[in-house]
Amino acid sequence: MTSGAKFGADYLAYPGDPTLYHAQFAVRVLDWESPMHPYGFAAGTRTAHAARKHLLLATAQQSAPQPSASST
């Protein structure tokens, strides 16, 4: 993975070594709690398509801390 700033993404994902392959995915990392606006989605899709890449949307949800087994 490398920086995707040149293509309007957060990262670029490669199928192997970045020095040997072209990136196949433009990765956008989104906040789980924030809504995705249709215009932002359309812009990301068009930018990725113009760069001949697939748009990959990634998000993570923070989980609540799990109680440990020793604290009963």
N, C-alpha and C. Protein backbone atom coordinates (compact mmCIF):
# COMPACT_ATOMS: atom_id res chain seq x y z
N MET A 1 0.84 -1.17 0.00
CA MET A 1 0.00 0.00 0.00
C MET A 1 0.89 1.24 0.00
N THR A 2 0.47 2.21 -0.78
CA THR A 2 1.18 3.49 -0.85
C THR A 2 0.16 4.61 -0.75
N SER A 3 0.62 5.83 -0.70
CA SER A 3 -0.27 6.98 -0.62
C SER A 3 -1.10 7.10 -1.89
N GLY A 4 -2.37 7.45 -1.69
CA GLY A 4 -3.26 7.60 -2.84
C GLY A 4 -3.64 9.04 -3.10
N ALA A 5 -2.93 9.99 -2.51
CA ALA A 5 -3.28 11.41 -2.63
C ALA A 5 -3.32 11.87 -4.08
N LYS A 6 -2.47 11.33 -4.90
CA LYS A 6 -2.43 11.72 -6.31
C LYS A 6 -3.71 11.33 -7.05
N PHE A 7 -4.43 10.33 -6.54
CA PHE A 7 -5.63 9.83 -7.18
C PHE A 7 -6.89 10.11 -6.37
N GLY A 8 -6.83 11.01 -5.41
CA GLY A 8 -8.00 11.37 -4.62
C GLY A 8 -8.41 10.31 -3.63
N ALA A 9 -7.48 9.49 -3.19
CA ALA A 9 -7.78 8.42 -2.23
C ALA A 9 -6.81 8.52 -1.06
N ASP A 10 -7.05 7.71 -0.06
CA ASP A 10 -6.15 7.69 1.09
C ASP A 10 -4.95 6.77 0.82
N TYR A 11 -5.22 5.65 0.17
CA TYR A 11 -4.16 4.68 -0.13
C TYR A 11 -4.38 4.08 -1.51
N LEU A 12 -3.34 3.47 -2.05
CA LEU A 12 -3.43 2.65 -3.24
C LEU A 12 -3.04 1.23 -2.83
N ALA A 13 -3.82 0.26 -3.28
CA ALA A 13 -3.55 -1.15 -2.94
C ALA A 13 -3.08 -1.88 -4.20
N TYR A 14 -2.05 -2.67 -4.04
CA TYR A 14 -1.41 -3.38 -5.14
C TYR A 14 -1.60 -4.88 -4.97
N PRO A 15 -1.60 -5.64 -6.08
CA PRO A 15 -1.71 -7.10 -5.97
C PRO A 15 -0.40 -7.77 -5.56
N GLY A 16 0.65 -7.00 -5.47
CA GLY A 16 1.97 -7.53 -5.10
C GLY A 16 2.90 -6.37 -4.80
N ASP A 17 4.15 -6.54 -5.12
CA ASP A 17 5.17 -5.52 -4.89
C ASP A 17 4.87 -4.26 -5.70
N PRO A 18 4.75 -3.08 -5.06
CA PRO A 18 4.44 -1.85 -5.79
C PRO A 18 5.45 -1.48 -6.87
N THR A 19 6.68 -1.98 -6.77
CA THR A 19 7.66 -1.68 -7.81
C THR A 19 7.46 -2.54 -9.05
N LEU A 20 6.67 -3.62 -8.93
CA LEU A 20 6.45 -4.53 -10.05
C LEU A 20 5.04 -4.46 -10.64
N TYR A 21 4.07 -3.95 -9.88
CA TYR A 21 2.67 -3.95 -10.30
C TYR A 21 2.08 -2.54 -10.26
N HIS A 22 1.04 -2.34 -11.04
CA HIS A 22 0.25 -1.12 -10.95
C HIS A 22 -0.82 -1.32 -9.88
N ALA A 23 -1.21 -0.24 -9.23
CA ALA A 23 -2.25 -0.34 -8.20
C ALA A 23 -3.58 -0.69 -8.85
N GLN A 24 -4.34 -1.55 -8.20
CA GLN A 24 -5.66 -1.93 -8.71
C GLN A 24 -6.78 -1.23 -7.96
N PHE A 25 -6.51 -0.80 -6.72
CA PHE A 25 -7.56 -0.22 -5.90
C PHE A 25 -7.17 1.14 -5.35
N ALA A 26 -8.12 2.06 -5.39
CA ALA A 26 -8.00 3.33 -4.70
C ALA A 26 -8.81 3.17 -3.41
N VAL A 27 -8.16 3.25 -2.28
CA VAL A 27 -8.80 2.97 -0.98
C VAL A 27 -9.16 4.28 -0.29
N ARG A 28 -10.42 4.42 0.07
CA ARG A 28 -10.89 5.57 0.84
C ARG A 28 -11.30 5.06 2.22
N VAL A 29 -10.76 5.65 3.28
CA VAL A 29 -11.09 5.27 4.64
C VAL A 29 -12.11 6.27 5.16
N LEU A 30 -13.26 5.75 5.60
CA LEU A 30 -14.36 6.58 6.06
C LEU A 30 -14.62 6.36 7.54
N ASP A 31 -15.15 7.39 8.18
CA ASP A 31 -15.55 7.28 9.59
C ASP A 31 -16.86 6.51 9.67
N TRP A 32 -16.93 5.54 10.57
CA TRP A 32 -18.11 4.69 10.71
C TRP A 32 -19.35 5.51 11.06
N GLU A 33 -19.20 6.53 11.86
CA GLU A 33 -20.34 7.32 12.34
C GLU A 33 -20.81 8.39 11.36
N SER A 34 -19.97 8.77 10.42
CA SER A 34 -20.32 9.85 9.50
C SER A 34 -21.11 9.32 8.31
N PRO A 35 -22.17 10.04 7.93
CA PRO A 35 -22.92 9.60 6.74
C PRO A 35 -22.10 9.83 5.47
N MET A 36 -22.34 9.01 4.48
CA MET A 36 -21.66 9.19 3.20
C MET A 36 -22.57 9.98 2.28
N HIS A 37 -22.06 11.09 1.80
CA HIS A 37 -22.85 11.94 0.93
C HIS A 37 -22.79 11.42 -0.51
N PRO A 38 -23.91 11.42 -1.22
CA PRO A 38 -23.94 10.88 -2.58
C PRO A 38 -22.96 11.57 -3.53
N TYR A 39 -22.79 12.88 -3.40
CA TYR A 39 -21.86 13.58 -4.29
C TYR A 39 -20.41 13.17 -4.02
N GLY A 40 -20.08 12.95 -2.77
CA GLY A 40 -18.74 12.48 -2.44
C GLY A 40 -18.49 11.09 -2.97
N PHE A 41 -19.51 10.23 -2.90
CA PHE A 41 -19.38 8.88 -3.44
C PHE A 41 -19.22 8.92 -4.95
N ALA A 42 -20.02 9.74 -5.62
CA ALA A 42 -19.94 9.87 -7.08
C ALA A 42 -18.57 10.42 -7.50
N ALA A 43 -18.07 11.41 -6.78
CA ALA A 43 -16.77 11.99 -7.11
C ALA A 43 -15.66 10.97 -6.94
N GLY A 44 -15.69 10.20 -5.86
CA GLY A 44 -14.67 9.18 -5.63
C GLY A 44 -14.71 8.10 -6.69
N THR A 45 -15.92 7.69 -7.08
CA THR A 45 -16.08 6.67 -8.12
C THR A 45 -15.55 7.16 -9.46
N ARG A 46 -15.90 8.38 -9.81
CA ARG A 46 -15.44 8.93 -11.09
C ARG A 46 -13.93 9.11 -11.13
N THR A 47 -13.37 9.58 -10.03
CA THR A 47 -11.91 9.76 -9.97
C THR A 47 -11.19 8.42 -10.10
N ALA A 48 -11.67 7.42 -9.37
CA ALA A 48 -11.05 6.10 -9.45
C ALA A 48 -11.18 5.52 -10.86
N HIS A 49 -12.34 5.70 -11.47
CA HIS A 49 -12.55 5.18 -12.82
C HIS A 49 -11.63 5.87 -13.83
N ALA A 50 -11.48 7.17 -13.69
CA ALA A 50 -10.60 7.91 -14.61
C ALA A 50 -9.15 7.46 -14.47
N ALA A 51 -8.77 7.02 -13.27
CA ALA A 51 -7.41 6.53 -13.03
C ALA A 51 -7.29 5.03 -13.31
N ARG A 52 -8.38 4.42 -13.80
CA ARG A 52 -8.43 2.99 -14.11
C ARG A 52 -8.16 2.13 -12.87
N LYS A 53 -8.85 2.50 -11.78
CA LYS A 53 -8.72 1.77 -10.52
C LYS A 53 -10.12 1.47 -9.99
N HIS A 54 -10.22 0.49 -9.13
CA HIS A 54 -11.47 0.18 -8.46
C HIS A 54 -11.50 0.96 -7.15
N LEU A 55 -12.65 1.51 -6.81
CA LEU A 55 -12.79 2.23 -5.55
C LEU A 55 -13.12 1.24 -4.45
N LEU A 56 -12.34 1.25 -3.39
CA LEU A 56 -12.54 0.38 -2.24
C LEU A 56 -12.80 1.27 -1.04
N LEU A 57 -14.00 1.14 -0.45
CA LEU A 57 -14.35 1.93 0.73
C LEU A 57 -14.07 1.09 1.97
N ALA A 58 -13.37 1.66 2.92
CA ALA A 58 -13.02 0.95 4.15
C ALA A 58 -13.47 1.77 5.35
N THR A 59 -13.92 1.08 6.37
CA THR A 59 -14.32 1.73 7.61
C THR A 59 -14.06 0.77 8.76
N ALA A 60 -13.97 1.33 9.93
CA ALA A 60 -13.79 0.52 11.13
C ALA A 60 -14.68 1.08 12.23
N GLN A 61 -15.25 0.21 12.98
CA GLN A 61 -16.07 0.62 14.10
C GLN A 61 -15.33 0.29 15.38
N GLN A 62 -15.23 1.28 16.26
CA GLN A 62 -14.55 1.04 17.52
C GLN A 62 -15.47 0.25 18.43
N SER A 63 -14.96 -0.85 18.96
CA SER A 63 -15.78 -1.68 19.83
C SER A 63 -15.57 -1.28 21.28
N ALA A 64 -16.55 -1.61 22.09
CA ALA A 64 -16.48 -1.31 23.52
C ALA A 64 -15.43 -2.23 24.15
N PRO A 65 -14.71 -1.75 25.16
CA PRO A 65 -13.71 -2.62 25.81
C PRO A 65 -14.38 -3.82 26.45
N GLN A 66 -13.78 -4.98 26.28
CA GLN A 66 -14.32 -6.23 26.83
C GLN A 66 -13.77 -6.41 28.25
N PRO A 67 -14.63 -6.80 29.17
CA PRO A 67 -14.12 -7.05 30.54
C PRO A 67 -13.21 -8.26 30.55
N SER A 68 -12.17 -8.18 31.33
CA SER A 68 -11.24 -9.31 31.41
C SER A 68 -11.83 -10.41 32.29
N ALA A 69 -11.41 -11.63 32.09
CA ALA A 69 -11.94 -12.79 32.84
C ALA A 69 -11.56 -12.73 34.30
N SER A 70 -10.47 -12.04 34.63
CA SER A 70 -10.01 -12.01 36.02
C SER A 70 -10.74 -10.97 36.86
N SER A 71 -11.51 -10.08 36.24
CA SER A 71 -12.23 -9.04 37.01
C SER A 71 -13.66 -9.45 37.25
N THR A 72 -13.87 -10.35 38.22
CA THR A 72 -15.23 -10.82 38.54
C THR A 72 -15.67 -10.32 39.86
